[in-house]
Amino acid sequence: MYMPLACVIDSSILCLHGGLSPSVPFVEAIAEIERVQDIPESGPMCDLVWSDPDPTEKEGWSVNNRGAGYLFSKQVVS
């Protein structure tokens, strides 16, 4: 059984296991990701599972020390 990558609550709250992806420019694009597969080592599905908010004041995207996904800033969330 495969779990969903994300859900939207009350048309306003996006819930993800991990975080955002520079490869997913809008919420509707998540539905286009092939879900019936193991989590790949890179790409949009990997990012949605392994990306994290960046606790520093850097803006934009940066390398995630986990080795998968990205760190994303408050600016990206906005």
Protein backbone atom coordinates (compact mmCIF):
# COMPACT_ATOMS: atom_id res chain seq x y z
CA MET A 1 0.00 0.00 0.00
CA TYR A 2 1.28 3.45 -0.91
CA MET A 3 0.52 6.51 1.17
CA PRO A 4 -0.34 9.91 -0.33
CA LEU A 5 2.49 12.39 -0.87
CA ALA A 6 0.43 15.35 0.30
CA CYS A 7 -3.03 16.56 1.21
CA VAL A 8 -4.78 19.91 1.25
CA ILE A 9 -7.01 20.81 4.20
CA ASP A 10 -9.85 23.32 3.80
CA SER A 11 -8.40 24.48 0.47
CA SER A 12 -5.71 26.40 2.34
CA ILE A 13 -3.27 24.16 4.25
CA LEU A 14 -0.78 21.97 2.39
CA CYS A 15 0.42 18.99 4.46
CA LEU A 16 3.56 17.10 3.44
CA HIS A 17 5.72 14.46 5.09
CA GLY A 18 8.83 16.43 4.24
CA GLY A 19 8.85 19.72 2.43
CA LEU A 20 8.74 21.60 -0.84
CA SER A 21 10.46 20.94 -4.16
CA PRO A 22 11.77 23.33 -6.80
CA SER A 23 10.47 20.77 -9.31
CA VAL A 24 6.88 21.20 -8.10
CA PRO A 25 5.87 24.79 -8.98
CA PHE A 26 2.23 24.47 -7.89
CA VAL A 27 0.19 22.16 -5.64
CA GLU A 28 -1.73 20.55 -8.51
CA ALA A 29 1.57 19.25 -9.96
CA ILE A 30 1.83 16.81 -7.03
CA ALA A 31 -1.04 14.79 -8.52
CA GLU A 32 1.04 14.29 -11.69
CA ILE A 33 3.80 12.42 -9.81
CA GLU A 34 3.71 8.65 -10.29
CA ARG A 35 3.08 7.46 -6.74
CA VAL A 36 3.25 3.68 -7.18
CA GLN A 37 7.03 3.39 -6.89
CA ASP A 38 9.73 3.33 -4.27
CA ILE A 39 10.99 6.76 -3.30
CA PRO A 40 13.71 7.63 -5.83
CA GLU A 41 17.09 9.09 -4.86
CA SER A 42 16.27 12.42 -6.53
CA GLY A 43 13.42 14.27 -8.20
CA PRO A 44 10.08 15.69 -7.08
CA MET A 45 8.91 12.70 -5.02
CA CYS A 46 12.23 12.51 -3.18
CA ASP A 47 12.08 16.26 -2.49
CA LEU A 48 8.53 16.11 -1.08
CA VAL A 49 9.60 13.38 1.34
CA TRP A 50 13.07 14.62 2.37
CA SER A 51 13.18 18.42 2.02
CA ASP A 52 13.30 20.57 5.16
CA PRO A 53 12.71 24.21 6.08
CA ASP A 54 16.00 26.09 6.33
CA PRO A 55 16.52 27.36 9.90
CA THR A 56 19.03 30.00 8.73
CA GLU A 57 18.21 33.37 7.22
CA LYS A 58 19.31 32.29 3.71
CA GLU A 59 16.76 32.87 0.95
CA GLY A 60 15.74 30.39 -1.73
CA TRP A 61 16.83 26.78 -2.10
CA SER A 62 20.02 25.18 -0.79
CA VAL A 63 21.61 21.76 -0.46
CA ASN A 64 20.16 19.57 2.27
CA ASN A 65 22.79 17.90 4.48
CA ARG A 66 20.66 14.73 4.52
CA GLY A 67 21.91 14.01 1.01
CA ALA A 68 18.36 14.09 -0.40
CA GLY A 69 15.83 16.85 -0.97
CA TYR A 70 16.51 20.55 -0.39
CA LEU A 71 16.46 23.16 2.32
CA PHE A 72 13.91 25.89 1.56
CA SER A 73 13.55 29.38 2.99
CA LYS A 74 10.59 31.36 4.31
CA GLN A 75 10.68 33.20 0.97
CA VAL A 76 10.03 29.93 -0.89
CA VAL A 77 7.07 29.12 1.36
CA SER A 78 5.55 32.55 0.69
